[in-house]
PDB file of N, CA and C in Angstrom:
ATOM      1  N   MET A   1      -3.747  -3.857  -0.931  1.00  0.00           N
ATOM      2  CA  MET A   1      -4.778  -3.484  -1.860  1.00  0.00           C
ATOM      3  C   MET A   1      -5.218  -2.068  -1.505  1.00  0.00           C
ATOM      4  N   LEU A   2      -5.311  -1.231  -2.519  1.00  0.00           N
ATOM      5  CA  LEU A   2      -5.677   0.165  -2.335  1.00  0.00           C
ATOM      6  C   LEU A   2      -7.191   0.291  -2.316  1.00  0.00           C
ATOM      7  N   ARG A   3      -7.721   0.845  -1.221  1.00  0.00           N
ATOM      8  CA  ARG A   3      -9.169   1.010  -1.082  1.00  0.00           C
ATOM      9  C   ARG A   3      -9.466   2.411  -0.559  1.00  0.00           C
ATOM     10  N   GLU A   4     -10.642   2.905  -0.896  1.00  0.00           N
ATOM     11  CA  GLU A   4     -11.111   4.204  -0.425  1.00  0.00           C
ATOM     12  C   GLU A   4     -12.247   3.977   0.567  1.00  0.00           C
ATOM     13  N   ILE A   5     -12.212   4.686   1.687  1.00  0.00           N
ATOM     14  CA  ILE A   5     -13.256   4.576   2.700  1.00  0.00           C
ATOM     15  C   ILE A   5     -14.474   5.362   2.214  1.00  0.00           C
ATOM     16  N   THR A   6     -15.643   4.708   2.157  1.00  0.00           N
ATOM     17  CA  THR A   6     -16.863   5.365   1.689  1.00  0.00           C
ATOM     18  C   THR A   6     -17.829   5.681   2.822  1.00  0.00           C
ATOM     19  N   LYS A   7     -17.583   5.114   4.000  1.00  0.00           N
ATOM     20  CA  LYS A   7     -18.434   5.355   5.160  1.00  0.00           C
ATOM     21  C   LYS A   7     -17.536   5.431   6.386  1.00  0.00           C
ATOM     22  N   ALA A   8     -17.706   6.464   7.207  1.00  0.00           N
ATOM     23  CA  ALA A   8     -16.847   6.656   8.371  1.00  0.00           C
ATOM     24  C   ALA A   8     -16.964   5.467   9.310  1.00  0.00           C
ATOM     25  N   THR A   9     -15.825   4.863   9.612  1.00  0.00           N
ATOM     26  CA  THR A   9     -15.775   3.723  10.526  1.00  0.00           C
ATOM     27  C   THR A   9     -14.598   3.906  11.464  1.00  0.00           C
ATOM     28  N   GLY A  10     -14.892   4.068  12.730  1.00  0.00           N
ATOM     29  CA  GLY A  10     -13.819   4.200  13.709  1.00  0.00           C
ATOM     30  C   GLY A  10     -12.962   5.415  13.436  1.00  0.00           C
ATOM     31  N   ARG A  11     -11.668   5.198  13.273  1.00  0.00           N
ATOM     32  CA  ARG A  11     -10.737   6.315  13.068  1.00  0.00           C
ATOM     33  C   ARG A  11     -10.511   6.642  11.606  1.00  0.00           C
ATOM     34  N   TYR A  12     -11.209   5.967  10.689  1.00  0.00           N
ATOM     35  CA  TYR A  12     -11.023   6.195   9.262  1.00  0.00           C
ATOM     36  C   TYR A  12     -12.116   7.113   8.727  1.00  0.00           C
ATOM     37  N   PRO A  13     -11.773   8.340   8.316  1.00  0.00           N
ATOM     38  CA  PRO A  13     -12.781   9.267   7.786  1.00  0.00           C
ATOM     39  C   PRO A  13     -13.154   8.926   6.345  1.00  0.00           C
ATOM     40  N   VAL A  14     -14.268   9.456   5.898  1.00  0.00           N
ATOM     41  CA  VAL A  14     -14.739   9.230   4.533  1.00  0.00           C
ATOM     42  C   VAL A  14     -13.754   9.854   3.542  1.00  0.00           C
ATOM     43  N   GLY A  15     -13.453   9.132   2.478  1.00  0.00           N
ATOM     44  CA  GLY A  15     -12.559   9.638   1.443  1.00  0.00           C
ATOM     45  C   GLY A  15     -11.103   9.282   1.642  1.00  0.00           C
ATOM     46  N   GLY A  16     -10.763   8.649   2.737  1.00  0.00           N
ATOM     47  CA  GLY A  16      -9.371   8.286   2.992  1.00  0.00           C
ATOM     48  C   GLY A  16      -8.927   7.129   2.107  1.00  0.00           C
ATOM     49  N   LEU A  17      -7.712   7.215   1.585  1.00  0.00           N
ATOM     50  CA  LEU A  17      -7.132   6.144   0.782  1.00  0.00           C
ATOM     51  C   LEU A  17      -6.104   5.407   1.614  1.00  0.00           C
ATOM     52  N   HIS A  18      -6.223   4.083   1.651  1.00  0.00           N
ATOM     53  CA  HIS A  18      -5.293   3.270   2.429  1.00  0.00           C
ATOM     54  C   HIS A  18      -4.881   2.062   1.618  1.00  0.00           C
ATOM     55  N   ASP A  19      -3.626   1.694   1.742  1.00  0.00           N
ATOM     56  CA  ASP A  19      -3.081   0.541   1.029  1.00  0.00           C
ATOM     57  C   ASP A  19      -2.619  -0.476   2.073  1.00  0.00           C
ATOM     58  N   PHE A  20      -3.538  -1.355   2.475  1.00  0.00           N
ATOM     59  CA  PHE A  20      -3.249  -2.383   3.459  1.00  0.00           C
ATOM     60  C   PHE A  20      -3.292  -3.749   2.797  1.00  0.00           C
ATOM     61  N   PRO A  21      -2.618  -4.746   3.364  1.00  0.00           N
ATOM     62  CA  PRO A  21      -2.773  -6.112   2.869  1.00  0.00           C
ATOM     63  C   PRO A  21      -4.202  -6.615   3.117  1.00  0.00           C
ATOM     64  N   ARG A  22      -4.597  -7.644   2.389  1.00  0.00           N
ATOM     65  CA  ARG A  22      -5.961  -8.185   2.475  1.00  0.00           C
ATOM     66  C   ARG A  22      -6.309  -8.604   3.902  1.00  0.00           C
ATOM     67  N   GLY A  23      -5.377  -9.184   4.627  1.00  0.00           N
ATOM     68  CA  GLY A  23      -5.632  -9.616   5.997  1.00  0.00           C
ATOM     69  C   GLY A  23      -5.971  -8.464   6.925  1.00  0.00           C
ATOM     70  N   VAL A  24      -5.324  -7.336   6.740  1.00  0.00           N
ATOM     71  CA  VAL A  24      -5.595  -6.150   7.560  1.00  0.00           C
ATOM     72  C   VAL A  24      -6.995  -5.622   7.255  1.00  0.00           C
ATOM     73  N   TRP A  25      -7.354  -5.587   5.956  1.00  0.00           N
ATOM     74  CA  TRP A  25      -8.702  -5.143   5.595  1.00  0.00           C
ATOM     75  C   TRP A  25      -9.755  -6.064   6.203  1.00  0.00           C
ATOM     76  N   ASN A  26      -9.517  -7.364   6.181  1.00  0.00           N
ATOM     77  CA  ASN A  26     -10.472  -8.306   6.773  1.00  0.00           C
ATOM     78  C   ASN A  26     -10.599  -8.095   8.276  1.00  0.00           C
ATOM     79  N   LYS A  27      -9.502  -7.780   8.945  1.00  0.00           N
ATOM     80  CA  LYS A  27      -9.521  -7.510  10.389  1.00  0.00           C
ATOM     81  C   LYS A  27     -10.309  -6.236  10.688  1.00  0.00           C
ATOM     82  N   ILE A  28     -10.126  -5.194   9.872  1.00  0.00           N
ATOM     83  CA  ILE A  28     -10.881  -3.953  10.056  1.00  0.00           C
ATOM     84  C   ILE A  28     -12.369  -4.218   9.880  1.00  0.00           C
ATOM     85  N   ALA A  29     -12.721  -5.002   8.852  1.00  0.00           N
ATOM     86  CA  ALA A  29     -14.126  -5.329   8.603  1.00  0.00           C
ATOM     87  C   ALA A  29     -14.715  -6.127   9.758  1.00  0.00           C
ATOM     88  N   ALA A  30     -13.943  -7.051  10.308  1.00  0.00           N
ATOM     89  CA  ALA A  30     -14.429  -7.847  11.436  1.00  0.00           C
ATOM     90  C   ALA A  30     -14.611  -6.976  12.677  1.00  0.00           C
ATOM     91  N   ASP A  31     -13.700  -6.048  12.916  1.00  0.00           N
ATOM     92  CA  ASP A  31     -13.806  -5.153  14.072  1.00  0.00           C
ATOM     93  C   ASP A  31     -15.002  -4.215  13.948  1.00  0.00           C
ATOM     94  N   CYS A  32     -15.322  -3.813  12.714  1.00  0.00           N
ATOM     95  CA  CYS A  32     -16.468  -2.923  12.486  1.00  0.00           C
ATOM     96  C   CYS A  32     -17.789  -3.684  12.414  1.00  0.00           C
ATOM     97  N   LYS A  33     -17.700  -5.018  12.353  1.00  0.00           N
ATOM     98  CA  LYS A  33     -18.885  -5.874  12.213  1.00  0.00           C
ATOM     99  C   LYS A  33     -19.672  -5.511  10.962  1.00  0.00           C
ATOM    100  N   GLN A  34     -18.943  -5.269   9.861  1.00  0.00           N
ATOM    101  CA  GLN A  34     -19.535  -4.952   8.566  1.00  0.00           C
ATOM    102  C   GLN A  34     -18.781  -5.731   7.495  1.00  0.00           C
ATOM    103  N   LYS A  35     -19.414  -5.830   6.334  1.00  0.00           N
ATOM    104  CA  LYS A  35     -18.710  -6.398   5.194  1.00  0.00           C
ATOM    105  C   LYS A  35     -17.742  -5.354   4.655  1.00  0.00           C
ATOM    106  N   LEU A  36     -16.677  -5.822   4.055  1.00  0.00           N
ATOM    107  CA  LEU A  36     -15.637  -4.924   3.553  1.00  0.00           C
ATOM    108  C   LEU A  36     -16.183  -3.954   2.507  1.00  0.00           C
ATOM    109  N   ASP A  37     -17.059  -4.430   1.630  1.00  0.00           N
ATOM    110  CA  ASP A  37     -17.600  -3.573   0.578  1.00  0.00           C
ATOM    111  C   ASP A  37     -18.666  -2.606   1.084  1.00  0.00           C
ATOM    112  N   ASP A  38     -19.122  -2.759   2.337  1.00  0.00           N
ATOM    113  CA  ASP A  38     -20.118  -1.838   2.892  1.00  0.00           C
ATOM    114  C   ASP A  38     -19.514  -0.491   3.271  1.00  0.00           C
ATOM    115  N   PHE A  39     -18.230  -0.469   3.618  1.00  0.00           N
ATOM    116  CA  PHE A  39     -17.627   0.791   4.062  1.00  0.00           C
ATOM    117  C   PHE A  39     -16.413   1.216   3.238  1.00  0.00           C
ATOM    118  N   SER A  40     -16.056   0.437   2.206  1.00  0.00           N
ATOM    119  CA  SER A  40     -14.920   0.819   1.367  1.00  0.00           C
ATOM    120  C   SER A  40     -15.110   0.268  -0.041  1.00  0.00           C
ATOM    121  N   ARG A  41     -14.292   0.799  -0.961  1.00  0.00           N
ATOM    122  CA  ARG A  41     -14.334   0.314  -2.329  1.00  0.00           C
ATOM    123  C   ARG A  41     -12.911   0.258  -2.866  1.00  0.00           C
ATOM    124  N   VAL A  42     -12.693  -0.637  -3.821  1.00  0.00           N
ATOM    125  CA  VAL A  42     -11.382  -0.795  -4.438  1.00  0.00           C
ATOM    126  C   VAL A  42     -11.142   0.378  -5.374  1.00  0.00           C
ATOM    127  N   VAL A  43      -9.937   0.910  -5.339  1.00  0.00           N
ATOM    128  CA  VAL A  43      -9.559   2.023  -6.204  1.00  0.00           C
ATOM    129  C   VAL A  43      -8.466   1.520  -7.139  1.00  0.00           C
ATOM    130  N   GLY A  44      -8.642   1.780  -8.420  1.00  0.00           N
ATOM    131  CA  GLY A  44      -7.627   1.394  -9.396  1.00  0.00           C
ATOM    132  C   GLY A  44      -6.407   2.295  -9.301  1.00  0.00           C
ATOM    133  N   ILE A  45      -5.257   1.743  -9.511  1.00  0.00           N
ATOM    134  CA  ILE A  45      -4.013   2.505  -9.428  1.00  0.00           C
ATOM    135  C   ILE A  45      -3.956   3.585 -10.517  1.00  0.00           C
ATOM    136  N   ASP A  46      -4.491   3.295 -11.706  1.00  0.00           N
ATOM    137  CA  ASP A  46      -4.404   4.243 -12.815  1.00  0.00           C
ATOM    138  C   ASP A  46      -5.158   5.534 -12.549  1.00  0.00           C
ATOM    139  N   SER A  47      -6.188   5.481 -11.696  1.00  0.00           N
ATOM    140  CA  SER A  47      -6.994   6.675 -11.462  1.00  0.00           C
ATOM    141  C   SER A  47      -6.394   7.598 -10.403  1.00  0.00           C
ATOM    142  N   GLN A  48      -5.312   7.197  -9.810  1.00  0.00           N
ATOM    143  CA  GLN A  48      -4.719   7.989  -8.737  1.00  0.00           C
ATOM    144  C   GLN A  48      -3.740   9.014  -9.280  1.00  0.00           C
ATOM    145  N   HIS A  49      -3.431   9.975  -8.467  1.00  0.00           N
ATOM    146  CA  HIS A  49      -2.467  11.015  -8.798  1.00  0.00           C
ATOM    147  C   HIS A  49      -1.096  10.377  -8.973  1.00  0.00           C
ATOM    148  N   LYS A  50      -0.350  10.825  -9.960  1.00  0.00           N
ATOM    149  CA  LYS A  50       0.954  10.231 -10.259  1.00  0.00           C
ATOM    150  C   LYS A  50       1.939  10.370  -9.103  1.00  0.00           C
ATOM    151  N   ALA A  51       1.792  11.391  -8.273  1.00  0.00           N
ATOM    152  CA  ALA A  51       2.717  11.586  -7.158  1.00  0.00           C
ATOM    153  C   ALA A  51       2.547  10.519  -6.090  1.00  0.00           C
ATOM    154  N   LEU A  52       1.375   9.882  -6.026  1.00  0.00           N
ATOM    155  CA  LEU A  52       1.141   8.843  -5.034  1.00  0.00           C
ATOM    156  C   LEU A  52       1.677   7.486  -5.468  1.00  0.00           C
ATOM    157  N   GLN A  53       2.038   7.360  -6.727  1.00  0.00           N
ATOM    158  CA  GLN A  53       2.554   6.099  -7.227  1.00  0.00           C
ATOM    159  C   GLN A  53       4.064   6.059  -7.084  1.00  0.00           C
ATOM    160  N   SER A  54       4.595   4.871  -7.009  1.00  0.00           N
ATOM    161  CA  SER A  54       6.028   4.699  -6.876  1.00  0.00           C
ATOM    162  C   SER A  54       6.521   3.758  -7.975  1.00  0.00           C
ATOM    163  N   PRO A  55       6.670   4.252  -9.195  1.00  0.00           N
ATOM    164  CA  PRO A  55       7.118   3.372 -10.269  1.00  0.00           C
ATOM    165  C   PRO A  55       8.601   3.035 -10.126  1.00  0.00           C
ATOM    166  N   LEU A  56       8.947   1.834 -10.516  1.00  0.00           N
ATOM    167  CA  LEU A  56      10.361   1.451 -10.493  1.00  0.00           C
ATOM    168  C   LEU A  56      11.055   2.035 -11.714  1.00  0.00           C
ATOM    169  N   ARG A  57      12.254   2.482 -11.531  1.00  0.00           N
ATOM    170  CA  ARG A  57      13.028   3.033 -12.644  1.00  0.00           C
ATOM    171  C   ARG A  57      14.035   1.984 -13.098  1.00  0.00           C
ATOM    172  N   GLY A  58      13.540   0.949 -13.721  1.00  0.00           N
ATOM    173  CA  GLY A  58      14.426  -0.122 -14.174  1.00  0.00           C
ATOM    174  C   GLY A  58      14.687  -1.118 -13.061  1.00  0.00           C
ATOM    175  N   ALA A  59      15.502  -2.096 -13.375  1.00  0.00           N
ATOM    176  CA  ALA A  59      15.819  -3.133 -12.396  1.00  0.00           C
ATOM    177  C   ALA A  59      16.746  -2.572 -11.314  1.00  0.00           C
ATOM    178  N   PRO A  60      16.557  -2.979 -10.076  1.00  0.00           N
ATOM    179  CA  PRO A  60      17.464  -2.503  -9.029  1.00  0.00           C
ATOM    180  C   PRO A  60      18.873  -3.037  -9.256  1.00  0.00           C
ATOM    181  N   ARG A  61      19.834  -2.194  -9.052  1.00  0.00           N
ATOM    182  CA  ARG A  61      21.229  -2.583  -9.285  1.00  0.00           C
ATOM    183  C   ARG A  61      22.001  -2.522  -7.982  1.00  0.00           C
ATOM    184  N   ALA A  62      22.630  -3.627  -7.650  1.00  0.00           N
ATOM    185  CA  ALA A  62      23.441  -3.691  -6.436  1.00  0.00           C
ATOM    186  C   ALA A  62      24.881  -3.334  -6.780  1.00  0.00           C
ATOM    187  N   ALA A  63      25.533  -2.644  -5.877  1.00  0.00           N
ATOM    188  CA  ALA A  63      26.929  -2.308  -6.070  1.00  0.00           C
ATOM    189  C   ALA A  63      27.756  -3.586  -5.928  1.00  0.00           C
ATOM    190  N   PRO A  64      28.840  -3.694  -6.662  1.00  0.00           N
ATOM    191  CA  PRO A  64      29.686  -4.902  -6.522  1.00  0.00           C
ATOM    192  C   PRO A  64      30.279  -4.968  -5.131  1.00  0.00           C
ATOM    193  N   HIS A  65      30.396  -6.183  -4.646  1.00  0.00           N
ATOM    194  CA  HIS A  65      30.932  -6.376  -3.292  1.00  0.00           C
ATOM    195  C   HIS A  65      32.446  -6.202  -3.299  1.00  0.00           C
ATOM    196  N   VAL A  66      32.926  -5.386  -2.385  1.00  0.00           N
ATOM    197  CA  VAL A  66      34.365  -5.182  -2.247  1.00  0.00           C
ATOM    198  C   VAL A  66      34.755  -5.589  -0.833  1.00  0.00           C
ATOM    199  N   ARG A  67      35.721  -6.489  -0.731  1.00  0.00           N
ATOM    200  CA  ARG A  67      36.171  -6.922   0.586  1.00  0.00           C
ATOM    201  C   ARG A  67      36.974  -5.820   1.243  1.00  0.00           C
ATOM    202  N   LEU A  68      36.684  -5.563   2.511  1.00  0.00           N
ATOM    203  CA  LEU A  68      37.431  -4.564   3.242  1.00  0.00           C
ATOM    204  C   LEU A  68      38.828  -5.099   3.531  1.00  0.00           C
ATOM    205  N   GLY A  69      39.823  -4.281   3.333  1.00  0.00           N
ATOM    206  CA  GLY A  69      41.204  -4.677   3.601  1.00  0.00           C
ATOM    207  C   GLY A  69      41.842  -5.439   2.456  1.00  0.00           C
ATOM    208  N   GLY A  70      41.083  -5.674   1.407  1.00  0.00           N
ATOM    209  CA  GLY A  70      41.642  -6.386   0.254  1.00  0.00           C
ATOM    210  C   GLY A  70      42.465  -5.439  -0.604  1.00  0.00           C
ATOM    211  N   ASN A  71      43.202  -5.999  -1.515  1.00  0.00           N
ATOM    212  CA  ASN A  71      44.036  -5.157  -2.378  1.00  0.00           C
ATOM    213  C   ASN A  71      43.300  -4.773  -3.662  1.00  0.00           C
ATOM    214  N   GLY A  72      42.043  -5.185  -3.818  1.00  0.00           N
ATOM    215  CA  GLY A  72      41.261  -4.803  -4.975  1.00  0.00           C
ATOM    216  C   GLY A  72      41.508  -5.650  -6.205  1.00  0.00           C
ATOM    217  N   ALA A  73      42.359  -6.641  -6.107  1.00  0.00           N
ATOM    218  CA  ALA A  73      42.654  -7.469  -7.279  1.00  0.00           C
ATOM    219  C   ALA A  73      41.837  -8.739  -7.294  1.00  0.00           C
TER     220      ALA A  73
END
């Protein structure tokens, strides 16, 4: 989940964007002894710079399997 740090906590400066799984965010909140929403906020993907996004360009295509040493038939 993409979140923005709104209050400096530990090694995370204000304004930093991080994409961690929910469990990692909960661990950070527990270590800081704060609620998650007290020091960060959810950021929508649409509001971010396009260079930070990684859109898929169609379905992934695997190359056909070729046996090594085979005659190709």
